[in-house]
Amino acid sequence: MQVPKRSTVHELISMPGAGILTCGHWQTRAFSFVWHQHPQLELTLIVKGQGRRHVADHVADFQALDTCLLGPGVPHTWHSQPGSGPSESVCIQFDADALLRAGAHLPELSGLGRLIAQSRRGLQIEGALGREVADIILALDAETSALARLAQLLRILSLLKDGSQCRALSSEAFICPEQDPALARLTRFVQEHRHQPLSQRRMAEVAGVSVAGFSRYFKSKFKRTWRSYLVELRIADACRKLAESEATVMAVGLSCGFGNLSNFNRRFRQVKGVVPSAWRRAARGG
């Protein structure tokens, strides 16, 4: 299964009237590889078909009843396996900001922010919960009343709660945690300079803490060492480049801040479980 290399498409989604959600039911010969993202949350149910699901830096096989919640800005696509037969999906996209604003007046929505934060890694809804959510998605798709559709969406969000019952897909380094101003400044600096050599002293200066106390400070916020975070961030970047470009594995590694191919291979295997060339083959269906 050869995946065509494309840049990420920023999808513009039009909501019907003044509503906060739209629902599409798609039937096709196959899902094409269209690597895209959008500011809305998305609930996707695969009704028929099989192939490979790409969510940020995560790649895995999918089959019928695959159900996921994808947060704002998460790049993704479902790509059919050749000869897998007809493909069918239901896709619900909704405005997270509108729900959060409503939460200021409706206490029942007050916990939604935690689910949205978790969804920024992409969430797979599995097992009995996944089957129940799939049934509600199909019921929502069958509704003709906007209010009834909204009620079904709220029912799903109630079942998902804070997302802790779902399986996170992309690596934690793909997103930034909820932050105070100092942490926002630090994560922005790491994002912008992740390809460059970064010393602990420079990182401590950016964070506004002592060199001696920086490691403890960072680990308390990210639940990992800053070196581990930096490596994961670089690997996440490398995954995007491996999936989207024809650059050699060595060129990708060097561009992402790894000094040589051996170090890139070793670090990539530590994080993803396979070497970069194997990950690229899997991403392309080889």
C-alpha atoms as a PDB file:
ATOM      1  CA  MET A   1       0.000   0.000   0.000  1.00  0.00           C
ATOM      2  CA  GLN A   2       1.934   3.021  -1.263  1.00  0.00           C
ATOM      3  CA  VAL A   3       1.015   6.276   0.460  1.00  0.00           C
ATOM      4  CA  PRO A   4       1.361   9.376  -1.732  1.00  0.00           C
ATOM      5  CA  LYS A   5       3.454  12.051  -0.049  1.00  0.00           C
ATOM      6  CA  ARG A   6       1.500  15.226   0.637  1.00  0.00           C
ATOM      7  CA  SER A   7       1.669  18.244   2.893  1.00  0.00           C
ATOM      8  CA  THR A   8      -0.934  18.595   5.625  1.00  0.00           C
ATOM      9  CA  VAL A   9      -4.206  20.066   4.336  1.00  0.00           C
ATOM     10  CA  HIS A  10      -5.849  22.631   6.600  1.00  0.00           C
ATOM     11  CA  GLU A  11      -9.514  21.752   6.144  1.00  0.00           C
ATOM     12  CA  LEU A  12     -12.196  24.444   6.321  1.00  0.00           C
ATOM     13  CA  ILE A  13     -15.415  23.057   7.771  1.00  0.00           C
ATOM     14  CA  SER A  14     -18.692  24.957   7.418  1.00  0.00           C
ATOM     15  CA  MET A  15     -21.199  24.468  10.209  1.00  0.00           C
ATOM     16  CA  PRO A  16     -24.875  24.419   9.169  1.00  0.00           C
ATOM     17  CA  GLY A  17     -26.644  27.640  10.105  1.00  0.00           C
ATOM     18  CA  ALA A  18     -25.708  28.691  13.620  1.00  0.00           C
ATOM     19  CA  GLY A  19     -25.149  25.100  14.767  1.00  0.00           C
ATOM     20  CA  ILE A  20     -22.052  23.758  16.471  1.00  0.00           C
ATOM     21  CA  LEU A  21     -21.865  20.364  14.742  1.00  0.00           C
ATOM     22  CA  THR A  22     -21.985  18.770  11.337  1.00  0.00           C
ATOM     23  CA  CYS A  23     -22.290  15.094  10.453  1.00  0.00           C
ATOM     24  CA  GLY A  24     -21.208  13.408   7.242  1.00  0.00           C
ATOM     25  CA  HIS A  25     -21.854   9.830   6.106  1.00  0.00           C
ATOM     26  CA  TRP A  26     -19.389   8.675   3.463  1.00  0.00           C
ATOM     27  CA  GLN A  27     -19.548   5.609   1.243  1.00  0.00           C
ATOM     28  CA  THR A  28     -16.695   5.061  -1.208  1.00  0.00           C
ATOM     29  CA  ARG A  29     -14.642   2.385  -2.921  1.00  0.00           C
ATOM     30  CA  ALA A  30     -11.684   3.231  -0.672  1.00  0.00           C
ATOM     31  CA  PHE A  31     -10.456   5.873   1.765  1.00  0.00           C
ATOM     32  CA  SER A  32      -7.746   7.946   0.079  1.00  0.00           C
ATOM     33  CA  PHE A  33      -4.671   9.217   1.882  1.00  0.00           C
ATOM     34  CA  VAL A  34      -5.553  12.869   2.611  1.00  0.00           C
ATOM     35  CA  TRP A  35      -3.372  14.119   5.488  1.00  0.00           C
ATOM     36  CA  HIS A  36      -5.403  16.981   7.003  1.00  0.00           C
ATOM     37  CA  GLN A  37      -6.321  18.881  10.144  1.00  0.00           C
ATOM     38  CA  HIS A  38      -8.949  21.401  11.290  1.00  0.00           C
ATOM     39  CA  PRO A  39      -9.852  23.420  14.408  1.00  0.00           C
ATOM     40  CA  GLN A  40     -12.984  21.367  15.175  1.00  0.00           C
ATOM     41  CA  LEU A  41     -13.087  18.192  17.260  1.00  0.00           C
ATOM     42  CA  GLU A  42     -13.928  15.106  15.255  1.00  0.00           C
ATOM     43  CA  LEU A  43     -15.633  11.816  16.106  1.00  0.00           C
ATOM     44  CA  THR A  44     -15.023   9.242  13.376  1.00  0.00           C
ATOM     45  CA  LEU A  45     -16.628   5.815  13.116  1.00  0.00           C
ATOM     46  CA  ILE A  46     -15.453   3.390  10.445  1.00  0.00           C
ATOM     47  CA  VAL A  47     -18.571   1.436   9.472  1.00  0.00           C
ATOM     48  CA  LYS A  48     -16.884  -0.658   6.771  1.00  0.00           C
ATOM     49  CA  GLY A  49     -13.335  -1.067   5.528  1.00  0.00           C
ATOM     50  CA  GLN A  50      -9.832  -1.702   6.740  1.00  0.00           C
ATOM     51  CA  GLY A  51      -6.398  -0.230   6.254  1.00  0.00           C
ATOM     52  CA  ARG A  52      -4.093   2.090   8.135  1.00  0.00           C
ATOM     53  CA  ARG A  53      -4.994   4.977  10.464  1.00  0.00           C
ATOM     54  CA  HIS A  54      -2.594   7.929  10.817  1.00  0.00           C
ATOM     55  CA  VAL A  55      -3.069  10.264  13.805  1.00  0.00           C
ATOM     56  CA  ALA A  56      -0.236  12.764  14.365  1.00  0.00           C
ATOM     57  CA  ASP A  57       2.876  10.589  14.882  1.00  0.00           C
ATOM     58  CA  HIS A  58       0.858   7.392  15.443  1.00  0.00           C
ATOM     59  CA  VAL A  59       0.234   4.789  12.708  1.00  0.00           C
ATOM     60  CA  ALA A  60      -1.838   1.625  13.213  1.00  0.00           C
ATOM     61  CA  ASP A  61      -4.139  -0.745  11.351  1.00  0.00           C
ATOM     62  CA  PHE A  62      -7.890  -0.175  11.529  1.00  0.00           C
ATOM     63  CA  GLN A  63     -10.967  -2.209  10.693  1.00  0.00           C
ATOM     64  CA  ALA A  64     -14.749  -1.833  10.932  1.00  0.00           C
ATOM     65  CA  LEU A  65     -16.055  -0.213  14.141  1.00  0.00           C
ATOM     66  CA  ASP A  66     -12.813   1.732  14.644  1.00  0.00           C
ATOM     67  CA  THR A  67     -13.967   4.762  16.652  1.00  0.00           C
ATOM     68  CA  CYS A  68     -11.823   7.793  17.495  1.00  0.00           C
ATOM     69  CA  LEU A  69     -12.078  11.282  18.961  1.00  0.00           C
ATOM     70  CA  LEU A  70      -9.561  13.722  17.483  1.00  0.00           C
ATOM     71  CA  GLY A  71      -8.841  17.076  19.080  1.00  0.00           C
ATOM     72  CA  PRO A  72      -8.439  20.465  17.385  1.00  0.00           C
ATOM     73  CA  GLY A  73      -5.488  20.685  15.035  1.00  0.00           C
ATOM     74  CA  VAL A  74      -4.577  16.979  15.135  1.00  0.00           C
ATOM     75  CA  PRO A  75      -3.413  15.874  11.637  1.00  0.00           C
ATOM     76  CA  HIS A  76      -5.002  12.583  10.584  1.00  0.00           C
ATOM     77  CA  THR A  77      -6.211  10.321   7.804  1.00  0.00           C
ATOM     78  CA  TRP A  78      -7.647   6.835   7.259  1.00  0.00           C
ATOM     79  CA  HIS A  79      -6.168   5.017   4.235  1.00  0.00           C
ATOM     80  CA  SER A  80      -7.789   1.866   2.847  1.00  0.00           C
ATOM     81  CA  GLN A  81      -5.949  -1.372   2.233  1.00  0.00           C
ATOM     82  CA  PRO A  82      -6.094  -2.338  -1.467  1.00  0.00           C
ATOM     83  CA  GLY A  83      -8.768  -4.913  -2.208  1.00  0.00           C
ATOM     84  CA  SER A  84     -10.437  -4.473   1.185  1.00  0.00           C
ATOM     85  CA  GLY A  85     -13.828  -3.801  -0.391  1.00  0.00           C
ATOM     86  CA  PRO A  86     -16.223  -0.860   0.031  1.00  0.00           C
ATOM     87  CA  SER A  87     -15.400   1.719   2.711  1.00  0.00           C
ATOM     88  CA  GLU A  88     -17.927   3.594   4.808  1.00  0.00           C
ATOM     89  CA  SER A  89     -17.587   6.081   7.655  1.00  0.00           C
ATOM     90  CA  VAL A  90     -19.576   8.533   9.749  1.00  0.00           C
ATOM     91  CA  CYS A  91     -17.769  11.704  10.758  1.00  0.00           C
ATOM     92  CA  ILE A  92     -19.072  14.195  13.334  1.00  0.00           C
ATOM     93  CA  GLN A  93     -17.219  17.499  13.630  1.00  0.00           C
ATOM     94  CA  PHE A  94     -18.091  20.010  16.310  1.00  0.00           C
ATOM     95  CA  ASP A  95     -16.986  23.337  17.725  1.00  0.00           C
ATOM     96  CA  ALA A  96     -15.099  22.830  20.993  1.00  0.00           C
ATOM     97  CA  ASP A  97     -14.880  26.549  21.755  1.00  0.00           C
ATOM     98  CA  ALA A  98     -18.660  26.911  21.559  1.00  0.00           C
ATOM     99  CA  LEU A  99     -19.114  24.065  24.045  1.00  0.00           C
ATOM    100  CA  LEU A 100     -16.516  25.556  26.382  1.00  0.00           C
ATOM    101  CA  ARG A 101     -18.273  28.923  26.250  1.00  0.00           C
ATOM    102  CA  ALA A 102     -21.557  27.194  27.028  1.00  0.00           C
ATOM    103  CA  GLY A 103     -19.835  25.542  29.976  1.00  0.00           C
ATOM    104  CA  ALA A 104     -19.464  28.966  31.573  1.00  0.00           C
ATOM    105  CA  HIS A 105     -23.265  28.987  31.972  1.00  0.00           C
ATOM    106  CA  LEU A 106     -23.989  25.261  32.192  1.00  0.00           C
ATOM    107  CA  PRO A 107     -22.185  23.500  35.076  1.00  0.00           C
ATOM    108  CA  GLU A 108     -22.975  20.163  33.444  1.00  0.00           C
ATOM    109  CA  LEU A 109     -20.348  20.985  30.797  1.00  0.00           C
ATOM    110  CA  SER A 110     -17.691  22.089  33.260  1.00  0.00           C
ATOM    111  CA  GLY A 111     -15.569  18.950  32.874  1.00  0.00           C
ATOM    112  CA  LEU A 112     -15.404  19.113  29.081  1.00  0.00           C
ATOM    113  CA  GLY A 113     -12.063  20.925  29.082  1.00  0.00           C
ATOM    114  CA  ARG A 114     -10.266  17.830  30.393  1.00  0.00           C
ATOM    115  CA  LEU A 115     -11.644  15.679  27.572  1.00  0.00           C
ATOM    116  CA  ILE A 116     -10.635  18.252  24.959  1.00  0.00           C
ATOM    117  CA  ALA A 117      -7.121  18.390  26.408  1.00  0.00           C
ATOM    118  CA  GLN A 118      -6.835  14.588  26.195  1.00  0.00           C
ATOM    119  CA  SER A 119      -8.230  14.566  22.649  1.00  0.00           C
ATOM    120  CA  ARG A 120      -5.258  16.582  21.410  1.00  0.00           C
ATOM    121  CA  ARG A 121      -3.327  13.293  21.324  1.00  0.00           C
ATOM    122  CA  GLY A 122      -6.163  11.530  19.480  1.00  0.00           C
ATOM    123  CA  LEU A 123      -8.238   9.008  21.443  1.00  0.00           C
ATOM    124  CA  GLN A 124      -9.288   5.536  20.330  1.00  0.00           C
ATOM    125  CA  ILE A 125     -12.564   4.455  21.947  1.00  0.00           C
ATOM    126  CA  GLU A 126     -12.314   0.703  22.467  1.00  0.00           C
ATOM    127  CA  GLY A 127     -14.241  -2.270  23.839  1.00  0.00           C
ATOM    128  CA  ALA A 128     -17.785  -2.014  25.184  1.00  0.00           C
ATOM    129  CA  LEU A 129     -17.492   1.770  25.401  1.00  0.00           C
ATOM    130  CA  GLY A 130     -16.463   1.918  21.750  1.00  0.00           C
ATOM    131  CA  ARG A 131     -19.448  -0.195  20.683  1.00  0.00           C
ATOM    132  CA  GLU A 132     -21.841   1.964  22.697  1.00  0.00           C
ATOM    133  CA  VAL A 133     -20.406   5.179  21.243  1.00  0.00           C
ATOM    134  CA  ALA A 134     -20.566   3.683  17.731  1.00  0.00           C
ATOM    135  CA  ASP A 135     -24.291   2.964  18.191  1.00  0.00           C
ATOM    136  CA  ILE A 136     -24.922   6.546  19.306  1.00  0.00           C
ATOM    137  CA  ILE A 137     -22.946   7.954  16.362  1.00  0.00           C
ATOM    138  CA  LEU A 138     -25.184   5.974  13.999  1.00  0.00           C
ATOM    139  CA  ALA A 139     -28.265   7.196  15.872  1.00  0.00           C
ATOM    140  CA  LEU A 140     -27.032  10.796  15.612  1.00  0.00           C
ATOM    141  CA  ASP A 141     -26.463  10.356  11.892  1.00  0.00           C
ATOM    142  CA  ALA A 142     -30.066   9.176  11.487  1.00  0.00           C
ATOM    143  CA  GLU A 143     -31.515  12.187  13.328  1.00  0.00           C
ATOM    144  CA  THR A 144     -33.005  15.051  11.338  1.00  0.00           C
ATOM    145  CA  SER A 145     -33.527  17.458  14.240  1.00  0.00           C
ATOM    146  CA  ALA A 146     -30.561  19.696  15.140  1.00  0.00           C
ATOM    147  CA  LEU A 147     -31.555  19.569  18.809  1.00  0.00           C
ATOM    148  CA  ALA A 148     -31.758  15.767  18.755  1.00  0.00           C
ATOM    149  CA  ARG A 149     -28.305  15.598  17.184  1.00  0.00           C
ATOM    150  CA  LEU A 150     -26.897  17.861  19.865  1.00  0.00           C
ATOM    151  CA  ALA A 151     -28.496  15.679  22.551  1.00  0.00           C
ATOM    152  CA  GLN A 152     -26.816  12.585  21.083  1.00  0.00           C
ATOM    153  CA  LEU A 153     -23.455  14.379  20.957  1.00  0.00           C
ATOM    154  CA  LEU A 154     -23.757  15.388  24.613  1.00  0.00           C
ATOM    155  CA  ARG A 155     -24.626  11.787  25.434  1.00  0.00           C
ATOM    156  CA  ILE A 156     -21.364  10.651  23.817  1.00  0.00           C
ATOM    157  CA  LEU A 157     -19.324  13.303  25.627  1.00  0.00           C
ATOM    158  CA  SER A 158     -20.916  12.227  28.900  1.00  0.00           C
ATOM    159  CA  LEU A 159     -19.814   8.635  28.292  1.00  0.00           C
ATOM    160  CA  LEU A 160     -16.257   9.683  27.426  1.00  0.00           C
ATOM    161  CA  LYS A 161     -15.991  11.845  30.568  1.00  0.00           C
ATOM    162  CA  ASP A 162     -12.374  13.017  30.837  1.00  0.00           C
ATOM    163  CA  GLY A 163     -11.007  10.614  28.224  1.00  0.00           C
ATOM    164  CA  SER A 164      -9.269   8.400  30.766  1.00  0.00           C
ATOM    165  CA  GLN A 165     -11.181   5.327  29.530  1.00  0.00           C
ATOM    166  CA  CYS A 166      -9.817   5.796  26.011  1.00  0.00           C
ATOM    167  CA  ARG A 167      -6.438   4.946  24.515  1.00  0.00           C
ATOM    168  CA  ALA A 168      -4.259   7.927  23.622  1.00  0.00           C
ATOM    169  CA  LEU A 169      -2.693   7.549  20.178  1.00  0.00           C
ATOM    170  CA  SER A 170       0.034  10.140  19.521  1.00  0.00           C
ATOM    171  CA  SER A 171       3.049  10.677  21.762  1.00  0.00           C
ATOM    172  CA  GLU A 172       2.749  13.178  24.607  1.00  0.00           C
ATOM    173  CA  ALA A 173       5.555  15.230  23.092  1.00  0.00           C
ATOM    174  CA  PHE A 174       3.340  15.923  20.067  1.00  0.00           C
ATOM    175  CA  ILE A 175       1.363  18.414  22.172  1.00  0.00           C
ATOM    176  CA  CYS A 176       2.121  20.811  25.009  1.00  0.00           C
ATOM    177  CA  PRO A 177       0.507  20.283  28.409  1.00  0.00           C
ATOM    178  CA  GLU A 178      -1.820  22.848  29.930  1.00  0.00           C
ATOM    179  CA  GLN A 179       0.549  25.566  31.018  1.00  0.00           C
ATOM    180  CA  ASP A 180       1.231  28.512  33.222  1.00  0.00           C
ATOM    181  CA  PRO A 181       3.007  31.458  31.527  1.00  0.00           C
ATOM    182  CA  ALA A 182       6.507  30.246  32.495  1.00  0.00           C
ATOM    183  CA  LEU A 183       5.788  26.761  31.194  1.00  0.00           C
ATOM    184  CA  ALA A 184       4.268  28.167  28.003  1.00  0.00           C
ATOM    185  CA  ARG A 185       7.443  30.182  27.444  1.00  0.00           C
ATOM    186  CA  LEU A 186       9.579  27.098  28.024  1.00  0.00           C
ATOM    187  CA  THR A 187       7.608  24.767  25.731  1.00  0.00           C
ATOM    188  CA  ARG A 188       7.496  27.415  22.996  1.00  0.00           C
ATOM    189  CA  PHE A 189      11.280  27.767  23.218  1.00  0.00           C
ATOM    190  CA  VAL A 190      11.782  23.991  23.004  1.00  0.00           C
ATOM    191  CA  GLN A 191       9.418  23.779  20.018  1.00  0.00           C
ATOM    192  CA  GLU A 192      11.234  26.559  18.163  1.00  0.00           C
ATOM    193  CA  HIS A 193      14.763  25.303  18.913  1.00  0.00           C
ATOM    194  CA  ARG A 194      14.209  21.539  19.084  1.00  0.00           C
ATOM    195  CA  HIS A 195      16.571  20.897  16.140  1.00  0.00           C
ATOM    196  CA  GLN A 196      19.459  22.726  17.814  1.00  0.00           C
ATOM    197  CA  PRO A 197      21.805  21.673  20.647  1.00  0.00           C
ATOM    198  CA  LEU A 198      20.134  22.709  23.927  1.00  0.00           C
ATOM    199  CA  SER A 199      22.062  22.853  27.196  1.00  0.00           C
ATOM    200  CA  GLN A 200      20.470  22.495  30.616  1.00  0.00           C
ATOM    201  CA  ARG A 201      21.848  25.922  31.536  1.00  0.00           C
ATOM    202  CA  ARG A 202      20.051  27.571  28.587  1.00  0.00           C
ATOM    203  CA  MET A 203      16.841  25.732  29.397  1.00  0.00           C
ATOM    204  CA  ALA A 204      17.013  26.844  33.030  1.00  0.00           C
ATOM    205  CA  GLU A 205      17.461  30.464  31.915  1.00  0.00           C
ATOM    206  CA  VAL A 206      14.359  30.270  29.739  1.00  0.00           C
ATOM    207  CA  ALA A 207      12.339  28.671  32.551  1.00  0.00           C
ATOM    208  CA  GLY A 208      13.579  31.233  35.064  1.00  0.00           C
ATOM    209  CA  VAL A 209      14.838  28.629  37.549  1.00  0.00           C
ATOM    210  CA  SER A 210      18.276  27.611  38.774  1.00  0.00           C
ATOM    211  CA  VAL A 211      20.364  25.130  36.825  1.00  0.00           C
ATOM    212  CA  ALA A 212      20.370  22.817  39.838  1.00  0.00           C
ATOM    213  CA  GLY A 213      16.600  22.951  40.162  1.00  0.00           C
ATOM    214  CA  PHE A 214      15.673  22.797  36.475  1.00  0.00           C
ATOM    215  CA  SER A 215      15.550  19.009  36.100  1.00  0.00           C
ATOM    216  CA  ARG A 216      13.256  18.658  39.110  1.00  0.00           C
ATOM    217  CA  TYR A 217      11.055  21.527  37.879  1.00  0.00           C
ATOM    218  CA  PHE A 218      10.711  20.060  34.381  1.00  0.00           C
ATOM    219  CA  LYS A 219       9.989  16.539  35.584  1.00  0.00           C
ATOM    220  CA  SER A 220       7.287  17.819  37.946  1.00  0.00           C
ATOM    221  CA  LYS A 221       5.499  19.423  34.982  1.00  0.00           C
ATOM    222  CA  PHE A 222       6.044  16.847  32.227  1.00  0.00           C
ATOM    223  CA  LYS A 223       6.452  13.605  34.224  1.00  0.00           C
ATOM    224  CA  ARG A 224       9.697  12.902  32.307  1.00  0.00           C
ATOM    225  CA  THR A 225      13.200  14.328  32.050  1.00  0.00           C
ATOM    226  CA  TRP A 226      13.660  17.262  29.699  1.00  0.00           C
ATOM    227  CA  ARG A 227      16.108  15.217  27.625  1.00  0.00           C
ATOM    228  CA  SER A 228      13.470  12.494  27.165  1.00  0.00           C
ATOM    229  CA  TYR A 229      10.900  15.137  26.214  1.00  0.00           C
ATOM    230  CA  LEU A 230      13.276  16.688  23.678  1.00  0.00           C
ATOM    231  CA  VAL A 231      14.006  13.297  22.099  1.00  0.00           C
ATOM    232  CA  GLU A 232      10.268  12.488  21.880  1.00  0.00           C
ATOM    233  CA  LEU A 233       9.595  15.882  20.314  1.00  0.00           C
ATOM    234  CA  ARG A 234      12.310  15.323  17.730  1.00  0.00           C
ATOM    235  CA  ILE A 235      10.998  11.813  17.011  1.00  0.00           C
ATOM    236  CA  ALA A 236       7.462  13.183  16.543  1.00  0.00           C
ATOM    237  CA  ASP A 237       8.868  15.676  14.046  1.00  0.00           C
ATOM    238  CA  ALA A 238      10.805  12.897  12.317  1.00  0.00           C
ATOM    239  CA  CYS A 239       7.635  10.790  11.993  1.00  0.00           C
ATOM    240  CA  ARG A 240       5.901  13.600  10.140  1.00  0.00           C
ATOM    241  CA  LYS A 241       8.851  14.001   7.774  1.00  0.00           C
ATOM    242  CA  LEU A 242       9.176  10.256   7.190  1.00  0.00           C
ATOM    243  CA  ALA A 243       5.465  10.072   6.311  1.00  0.00           C
ATOM    244  CA  GLU A 244       5.271  13.230   4.208  1.00  0.00           C
ATOM    245  CA  SER A 245       8.600  13.439   2.358  1.00  0.00           C
ATOM    246  CA  GLU A 246      10.933  11.391   0.207  1.00  0.00           C
ATOM    247  CA  ALA A 247      14.032  12.570   2.119  1.00  0.00           C
ATOM    248  CA  THR A 248      16.453   9.826   3.135  1.00  0.00           C
ATOM    249  CA  VAL A 249      16.307   8.495   6.680  1.00  0.00           C
ATOM    250  CA  MET A 250      19.691  10.084   7.391  1.00  0.00           C
ATOM    251  CA  ALA A 251      18.537  13.474   6.049  1.00  0.00           C
ATOM    252  CA  VAL A 252      15.415  13.315   8.216  1.00  0.00           C
ATOM    253  CA  GLY A 253      17.468  12.450  11.301  1.00  0.00           C
ATOM    254  CA  LEU A 254      19.946  15.271  10.755  1.00  0.00           C
ATOM    255  CA  SER A 255      17.176  17.796  10.089  1.00  0.00           C
ATOM    256  CA  CYS A 256      15.488  16.823  13.367  1.00  0.00           C
ATOM    257  CA  GLY A 257      18.562  17.403  15.527  1.00  0.00           C
ATOM    258  CA  PHE A 258      20.201  13.973  15.658  1.00  0.00           C
ATOM    259  CA  GLY A 259      23.944  14.103  15.096  1.00  0.00           C
ATOM    260  CA  ASN A 260      24.272  10.924  13.043  1.00  0.00           C
ATOM    261  CA  LEU A 261      22.274   8.013  11.641  1.00  0.00           C
ATOM    262  CA  SER A 262      23.303   5.586  14.379  1.00  0.00           C
ATOM    263  CA  ASN A 263      22.029   7.891  17.142  1.00  0.00           C
ATOM    264  CA  PHE A 264      18.823   8.569  15.200  1.00  0.00           C
ATOM    265  CA  ASN A 265      18.150   4.851  14.724  1.00  0.00           C
ATOM    266  CA  ARG A 266      18.841   4.065  18.376  1.00  0.00           C
ATOM    267  CA  ARG A 267      16.681   6.897  19.768  1.00  0.00           C
ATOM    268  CA  PHE A 268      13.859   6.229  17.308  1.00  0.00           C
ATOM    269  CA  ARG A 269      13.752   2.561  18.299  1.00  0.00           C
ATOM    270  CA  GLN A 270      13.642   3.512  21.999  1.00  0.00           C
ATOM    271  CA  VAL A 271      10.568   5.689  21.441  1.00  0.00           C
ATOM    272  CA  LYS A 272       8.672   3.908  18.631  1.00  0.00           C
ATOM    273  CA  GLY A 273       9.876   0.311  19.008  1.00  0.00           C
ATOM    274  CA  VAL A 274      11.236   0.088  15.440  1.00  0.00           C
ATOM    275  CA  VAL A 275      13.939   1.831  13.421  1.00  0.00           C
ATOM    276  CA  PRO A 276      12.931   4.789  11.189  1.00  0.00           C
ATOM    277  CA  SER A 277      13.093   2.815   7.926  1.00  0.00           C
ATOM    278  CA  ALA A 278      10.692   0.183   9.324  1.00  0.00           C
ATOM    279  CA  TRP A 279       8.336   2.891  10.608  1.00  0.00           C
ATOM    280  CA  ARG A 280       8.307   4.522   7.170  1.00  0.00           C
ATOM    281  CA  ARG A 281       7.508   1.193   5.471  1.00  0.00           C
ATOM    282  CA  ALA A 282       4.640   0.614   7.920  1.00  0.00           C
ATOM    283  CA  ALA A 283       3.333   4.140   7.365  1.00  0.00           C
ATOM    284  CA  ARG A 284       3.292   3.505   3.612  1.00  0.00           C
ATOM    285  CA  GLY A 285       1.733   0.105   3.946  1.00  0.00           C
ATOM    286  CA  GLY A 286       4.835  -1.811   2.927  1.00  0.00           C
END
